[in-house]
N, C-alpha and C. Protein backbone atom coordinates (compact mmCIF):
# COMPACT_ATOMS: atom_id res chain seq x y z
N UNK A 1 0.77 -1.20 -0.01
CA UNK A 1 0.01 -0.02 0.01
C UNK A 1 0.83 1.26 0.01
N UNK A 2 2.01 1.33 0.55
CA UNK A 2 2.65 2.67 0.65
C UNK A 2 2.73 3.27 -0.73
N UNK A 3 2.33 4.55 -0.74
CA UNK A 3 2.33 5.34 -2.00
C UNK A 3 3.12 6.59 -1.84
N UNK A 4 4.10 6.75 -2.73
CA UNK A 4 4.88 7.93 -2.78
C UNK A 4 4.39 8.76 -3.97
N UNK A 5 3.95 9.96 -3.68
CA UNK A 5 3.43 10.89 -4.76
C UNK A 5 4.35 12.11 -4.76
N UNK A 6 5.09 12.22 -5.86
CA UNK A 6 5.99 13.35 -6.11
C UNK A 6 5.26 14.36 -6.87
N UNK A 7 4.93 15.51 -6.18
CA UNK A 7 4.22 16.66 -6.83
C UNK A 7 5.28 17.71 -7.11
N UNK A 8 5.21 18.34 -8.28
CA UNK A 8 6.19 19.35 -8.58
C UNK A 8 5.67 20.34 -9.62
N UNK A 9 6.18 21.54 -9.48
CA UNK A 9 5.79 22.63 -10.46
C UNK A 9 6.50 22.34 -11.79
N UNK A 10 5.82 22.72 -12.85
CA UNK A 10 6.30 22.37 -14.21
C UNK A 10 7.69 22.94 -14.48
N UNK A 11 8.09 23.99 -13.81
CA UNK A 11 9.44 24.58 -14.03
C UNK A 11 10.54 23.68 -13.52
N UNK A 12 10.22 22.72 -12.66
CA UNK A 12 11.26 21.81 -12.14
C UNK A 12 11.82 20.99 -13.26
N UNK A 13 11.01 20.60 -14.21
CA UNK A 13 11.47 19.80 -15.35
C UNK A 13 12.70 20.35 -16.04
N UNK A 14 12.90 21.68 -16.02
CA UNK A 14 14.00 22.30 -16.69
C UNK A 14 15.33 22.01 -15.99
N UNK A 15 15.34 21.67 -14.71
CA UNK A 15 16.56 21.52 -13.95
C UNK A 15 16.74 20.20 -13.24
N UNK A 16 15.68 19.41 -13.17
CA UNK A 16 15.75 18.18 -12.44
C UNK A 16 15.32 17.02 -13.36
N UNK A 17 16.07 15.92 -13.27
CA UNK A 17 15.64 14.70 -13.97
C UNK A 17 14.55 14.04 -13.14
N UNK A 18 13.30 14.36 -13.40
CA UNK A 18 12.18 13.91 -12.53
C UNK A 18 12.08 12.40 -12.53
N UNK A 19 12.25 11.76 -13.68
CA UNK A 19 12.14 10.30 -13.68
C UNK A 19 13.23 9.68 -12.81
N UNK A 20 14.44 10.16 -12.91
CA UNK A 20 15.56 9.63 -12.12
C UNK A 20 15.33 9.94 -10.65
N UNK A 21 14.82 11.10 -10.32
CA UNK A 21 14.48 11.41 -8.91
C UNK A 21 13.45 10.47 -8.37
N UNK A 22 12.36 10.25 -9.16
CA UNK A 22 11.32 9.34 -8.72
C UNK A 22 11.86 7.96 -8.49
N UNK A 23 12.72 7.51 -9.38
CA UNK A 23 13.32 6.16 -9.23
C UNK A 23 14.16 6.09 -7.95
N UNK A 24 14.91 7.12 -7.66
CA UNK A 24 15.76 7.15 -6.47
C UNK A 24 14.93 7.24 -5.19
N UNK A 25 13.89 8.02 -5.20
CA UNK A 25 12.99 8.13 -4.05
C UNK A 25 12.32 6.79 -3.79
N UNK A 26 11.86 6.11 -4.83
CA UNK A 26 11.25 4.78 -4.83
C UNK A 26 12.16 3.79 -4.13
N UNK A 27 13.46 3.82 -4.61
CA UNK A 27 14.45 2.89 -4.04
C UNK A 27 14.71 3.22 -2.59
N UNK A 28 14.74 4.48 -2.19
CA UNK A 28 14.93 4.89 -0.78
C UNK A 28 13.78 4.31 0.07
N UNK A 29 12.57 4.37 -0.42
CA UNK A 29 11.45 3.80 0.32
C UNK A 29 11.60 2.31 0.52
N UNK A 30 11.94 1.64 -0.55
CA UNK A 30 12.20 0.19 -0.48
C UNK A 30 13.35 -0.11 0.49
N UNK A 31 14.44 0.62 0.33
CA UNK A 31 15.64 0.41 1.18
C UNK A 31 15.44 0.70 2.67
N UNK A 32 14.36 1.45 2.98
CA UNK A 32 14.05 1.78 4.34
C UNK A 32 13.82 0.54 5.20
N UNK A 33 13.41 -0.55 4.51
CA UNK A 33 13.11 -1.80 5.24
C UNK A 33 11.77 -1.83 5.93
N UNK A 34 10.95 -0.78 5.70
CA UNK A 34 9.67 -0.67 6.41
C UNK A 34 8.58 -1.33 5.61
N UNK A 35 8.81 -1.68 4.35
CA UNK A 35 7.73 -2.14 3.49
C UNK A 35 8.13 -3.37 2.68
N UNK A 36 7.16 -4.15 2.31
CA UNK A 36 7.42 -5.20 1.30
C UNK A 36 7.70 -4.53 -0.01
N UNK A 37 8.74 -4.92 -0.69
CA UNK A 37 9.16 -4.28 -1.93
C UNK A 37 8.04 -4.21 -2.94
N UNK A 38 7.31 -5.28 -3.12
CA UNK A 38 6.28 -5.27 -4.18
C UNK A 38 5.11 -4.36 -3.85
N UNK A 39 4.96 -3.94 -2.60
CA UNK A 39 3.82 -3.08 -2.27
C UNK A 39 4.06 -1.60 -2.46
N UNK A 40 5.29 -1.16 -2.63
CA UNK A 40 5.65 0.28 -2.73
C UNK A 40 5.26 0.75 -4.15
N UNK A 41 4.46 1.82 -4.21
CA UNK A 41 4.05 2.46 -5.47
C UNK A 41 4.49 3.89 -5.47
N UNK A 42 5.01 4.37 -6.57
CA UNK A 42 5.49 5.75 -6.69
C UNK A 42 4.99 6.32 -8.04
N UNK A 43 4.68 7.62 -7.96
CA UNK A 43 4.20 8.31 -9.15
C UNK A 43 4.48 9.73 -9.02
N UNK A 44 4.53 10.44 -10.18
CA UNK A 44 4.82 11.89 -10.18
C UNK A 44 3.66 12.64 -10.79
N UNK A 45 3.33 13.75 -10.22
CA UNK A 45 2.30 14.67 -10.73
C UNK A 45 2.89 16.04 -10.97
N UNK A 46 2.80 16.47 -12.22
CA UNK A 46 3.35 17.73 -12.62
C UNK A 46 2.23 18.76 -12.59
N UNK A 47 2.42 19.88 -11.90
CA UNK A 47 1.46 20.94 -11.84
C UNK A 47 1.79 22.08 -12.80
N UNK A 48 0.82 22.48 -13.54
CA UNK A 48 0.97 23.59 -14.44
C UNK A 48 0.47 24.92 -13.80
N UNK A 49 -0.36 24.80 -12.76
CA UNK A 49 -0.91 25.94 -12.12
C UNK A 49 -0.74 25.79 -10.59
N UNK A 50 -0.20 26.83 -9.97
CA UNK A 50 -0.01 26.84 -8.52
C UNK A 50 0.22 28.27 -8.03
N UNK A 51 0.06 28.46 -6.78
CA UNK A 51 0.30 29.79 -6.16
C UNK A 51 1.01 29.53 -4.84
N UNK A 52 2.00 30.37 -4.50
CA UNK A 52 2.72 30.29 -3.26
C UNK A 52 2.73 31.70 -2.66
N UNK A 53 2.02 31.92 -1.58
CA UNK A 53 1.98 33.21 -0.91
C UNK A 53 1.76 34.34 -1.88
N UNK A 54 2.45 35.44 -1.68
CA UNK A 54 2.30 36.61 -2.58
C UNK A 54 3.20 36.46 -3.77
N UNK A 55 4.00 35.39 -3.86
CA UNK A 55 4.89 35.17 -4.97
C UNK A 55 4.20 34.52 -6.15
N UNK A 56 2.93 34.11 -5.99
CA UNK A 56 2.19 33.46 -7.12
C UNK A 56 2.90 32.20 -7.54
N UNK A 57 3.13 32.14 -8.87
CA UNK A 57 3.74 30.91 -9.45
C UNK A 57 5.20 31.18 -9.83
N UNK A 58 5.82 32.20 -9.23
CA UNK A 58 7.19 32.52 -9.60
C UNK A 58 8.20 31.56 -8.87
N UNK A 59 7.79 30.88 -7.88
CA UNK A 59 8.68 29.99 -7.12
C UNK A 59 8.30 28.56 -7.39
N UNK A 60 9.31 27.75 -7.61
CA UNK A 60 9.05 26.33 -7.91
C UNK A 60 9.06 25.47 -6.64
N UNK A 61 8.54 24.27 -6.74
CA UNK A 61 8.43 23.40 -5.55
C UNK A 61 8.49 21.95 -5.97
N UNK A 62 8.84 21.13 -4.97
CA UNK A 62 8.67 19.71 -5.01
C UNK A 62 8.06 19.34 -3.64
N UNK A 63 6.98 18.61 -3.70
CA UNK A 63 6.36 18.16 -2.44
C UNK A 63 6.10 16.65 -2.57
N UNK A 64 6.55 15.92 -1.57
CA UNK A 64 6.28 14.48 -1.54
C UNK A 64 5.24 14.20 -0.53
N UNK A 65 4.17 13.50 -1.04
CA UNK A 65 3.18 12.95 -0.13
C UNK A 65 3.44 11.47 -0.03
N UNK A 66 3.62 10.94 1.17
CA UNK A 66 3.89 9.53 1.38
C UNK A 66 2.77 9.03 2.25
N UNK A 67 1.95 8.16 1.68
CA UNK A 67 0.76 7.58 2.36
C UNK A 67 1.03 6.12 2.66
N UNK A 68 0.76 5.76 3.94
CA UNK A 68 0.98 4.38 4.31
C UNK A 68 -0.03 3.96 5.42
N UNK A 69 -0.27 2.67 5.54
CA UNK A 69 -1.11 2.17 6.62
C UNK A 69 -0.36 2.37 7.92
N UNK A 70 -1.19 2.54 8.99
CA UNK A 70 -0.60 2.76 10.30
C UNK A 70 0.17 1.46 10.68
N UNK A 71 1.05 1.64 11.67
CA UNK A 71 1.83 0.48 12.16
C UNK A 71 3.30 0.85 12.31
N UNK A 72 3.69 2.00 11.78
CA UNK A 72 5.09 2.43 11.95
C UNK A 72 5.11 3.49 13.04
N UNK A 73 6.11 3.46 13.84
CA UNK A 73 6.14 4.44 14.92
C UNK A 73 6.75 5.78 14.40
N UNK A 74 6.69 6.78 15.25
CA UNK A 74 7.07 8.09 14.83
C UNK A 74 8.53 8.19 14.37
N UNK A 75 9.44 7.47 15.10
CA UNK A 75 10.81 7.49 14.73
C UNK A 75 11.03 6.87 13.37
N UNK A 76 10.34 5.75 13.06
CA UNK A 76 10.44 5.15 11.74
C UNK A 76 10.00 6.11 10.66
N UNK A 77 8.91 6.82 10.88
CA UNK A 77 8.44 7.76 9.88
C UNK A 77 9.37 8.97 9.75
N UNK A 78 9.91 9.48 10.85
CA UNK A 78 10.88 10.54 10.81
C UNK A 78 12.13 10.14 10.02
N UNK A 79 12.61 8.93 10.22
CA UNK A 79 13.80 8.41 9.56
C UNK A 79 13.51 8.30 8.01
N UNK A 80 12.33 7.76 7.70
CA UNK A 80 11.94 7.70 6.29
C UNK A 80 11.91 9.10 5.66
N UNK A 81 11.34 10.02 6.36
CA UNK A 81 11.30 11.40 5.89
C UNK A 81 12.74 11.94 5.68
N UNK A 82 13.62 11.67 6.62
CA UNK A 82 15.01 12.14 6.45
C UNK A 82 15.69 11.49 5.25
N UNK A 83 15.46 10.21 5.04
CA UNK A 83 16.04 9.51 3.90
C UNK A 83 15.56 10.10 2.54
N UNK A 84 14.26 10.35 2.50
CA UNK A 84 13.67 10.96 1.28
C UNK A 84 14.21 12.33 1.07
N UNK A 85 14.34 13.13 2.15
CA UNK A 85 14.83 14.48 1.99
C UNK A 85 16.27 14.51 1.56
N UNK A 86 17.03 13.54 1.96
CA UNK A 86 18.44 13.47 1.54
C UNK A 86 18.51 13.31 0.03
N UNK A 87 17.71 12.45 -0.51
CA UNK A 87 17.66 12.22 -1.98
C UNK A 87 17.19 13.52 -2.67
N UNK A 88 16.16 14.14 -2.10
CA UNK A 88 15.65 15.41 -2.66
C UNK A 88 16.73 16.50 -2.74
N UNK A 89 17.43 16.64 -1.60
CA UNK A 89 18.44 17.72 -1.52
C UNK A 89 19.64 17.38 -2.46
N UNK A 90 19.96 16.13 -2.59
CA UNK A 90 21.07 15.76 -3.51
C UNK A 90 20.72 16.08 -4.95
N UNK A 91 19.50 15.93 -5.36
CA UNK A 91 19.14 16.05 -6.75
C UNK A 91 18.35 17.29 -7.14
N UNK A 92 17.86 18.02 -6.13
CA UNK A 92 16.97 19.13 -6.45
C UNK A 92 17.26 20.34 -5.51
N UNK A 93 18.47 20.54 -5.13
CA UNK A 93 18.82 21.60 -4.24
C UNK A 93 18.51 22.97 -4.78
N UNK A 94 18.43 23.10 -6.08
CA UNK A 94 18.18 24.38 -6.70
C UNK A 94 16.66 24.74 -6.80
N UNK A 95 15.80 23.79 -6.39
CA UNK A 95 14.39 24.08 -6.30
C UNK A 95 14.08 24.85 -5.04
N UNK A 96 13.21 25.87 -5.12
CA UNK A 96 12.96 26.81 -3.98
C UNK A 96 12.37 26.10 -2.80
N UNK A 97 11.40 25.28 -2.98
CA UNK A 97 10.72 24.62 -1.82
C UNK A 97 10.74 23.12 -1.96
N UNK A 98 11.28 22.40 -0.95
CA UNK A 98 11.27 20.98 -0.86
C UNK A 98 10.56 20.57 0.42
N UNK A 99 9.49 19.81 0.25
CA UNK A 99 8.71 19.42 1.45
C UNK A 99 8.32 17.96 1.35
N UNK A 100 8.07 17.35 2.53
CA UNK A 100 7.66 15.96 2.64
C UNK A 100 6.57 15.87 3.70
N UNK A 101 5.55 15.08 3.40
CA UNK A 101 4.47 14.85 4.34
C UNK A 101 4.22 13.37 4.34
N UNK A 102 4.42 12.73 5.50
CA UNK A 102 4.09 11.31 5.64
C UNK A 102 2.82 11.15 6.48
N UNK A 103 1.88 10.40 5.95
CA UNK A 103 0.56 10.29 6.62
C UNK A 103 0.13 8.85 6.69
N UNK A 104 -0.48 8.53 7.81
CA UNK A 104 -1.14 7.23 7.94
C UNK A 104 -2.52 7.26 7.31
N UNK A 105 -2.91 6.18 6.69
CA UNK A 105 -4.17 6.02 6.08
C UNK A 105 -5.01 5.09 6.94
N UNK A 106 -6.28 5.40 7.09
CA UNK A 106 -7.20 4.53 7.89
C UNK A 106 -7.47 3.28 7.06
N UNK A 107 -6.92 2.17 7.50
CA UNK A 107 -7.03 0.90 6.80
C UNK A 107 -8.49 0.45 6.66
N UNK A 108 -9.33 0.84 7.64
CA UNK A 108 -10.70 0.36 7.59
C UNK A 108 -11.51 1.08 6.50
N UNK A 109 -11.02 2.15 6.03
CA UNK A 109 -11.71 2.97 4.95
C UNK A 109 -11.08 2.75 3.58
N UNK A 110 -9.96 2.12 3.49
CA UNK A 110 -9.23 1.94 2.25
C UNK A 110 -9.90 0.84 1.38
N UNK A 111 -10.03 1.11 0.14
CA UNK A 111 -10.68 0.08 -0.78
C UNK A 111 -9.68 -0.17 -1.93
N UNK A 112 -9.60 -1.40 -2.36
CA UNK A 112 -8.73 -1.76 -3.52
C UNK A 112 -9.38 -2.86 -4.29
N UNK A 113 -9.37 -2.72 -5.60
CA UNK A 113 -9.86 -3.81 -6.48
C UNK A 113 -8.75 -4.00 -7.54
N UNK A 114 -8.36 -5.24 -7.76
CA UNK A 114 -7.42 -5.66 -8.78
C UNK A 114 -8.16 -6.50 -9.82
N UNK A 115 -8.01 -6.17 -11.06
CA UNK A 115 -8.69 -6.97 -12.17
C UNK A 115 -7.60 -7.72 -12.94
């Protein structure tokens, strides 16, 4: 179930290899040892429209949403966040805003169908 969603402003494409970054973030999630390798899913969403404070869309960003079922303690989630941020800083230090949000998903409300 763990899902890594890499959200980024379209201007990031000019300076960052987004596919390579996504692959390295995906590997960091797997290498954390917190998840079964086959269950980790990663994807990237490019935003063409965004606003940041009074700067509007003049500042670029990368935001990682990492969603997972409960069961990991706070230290495990903090360490995962640190590992992901290390990858971000190594590959995207020139991007104005780098953020990560790790969230537990309520397993009782989650639905999945495979065909």
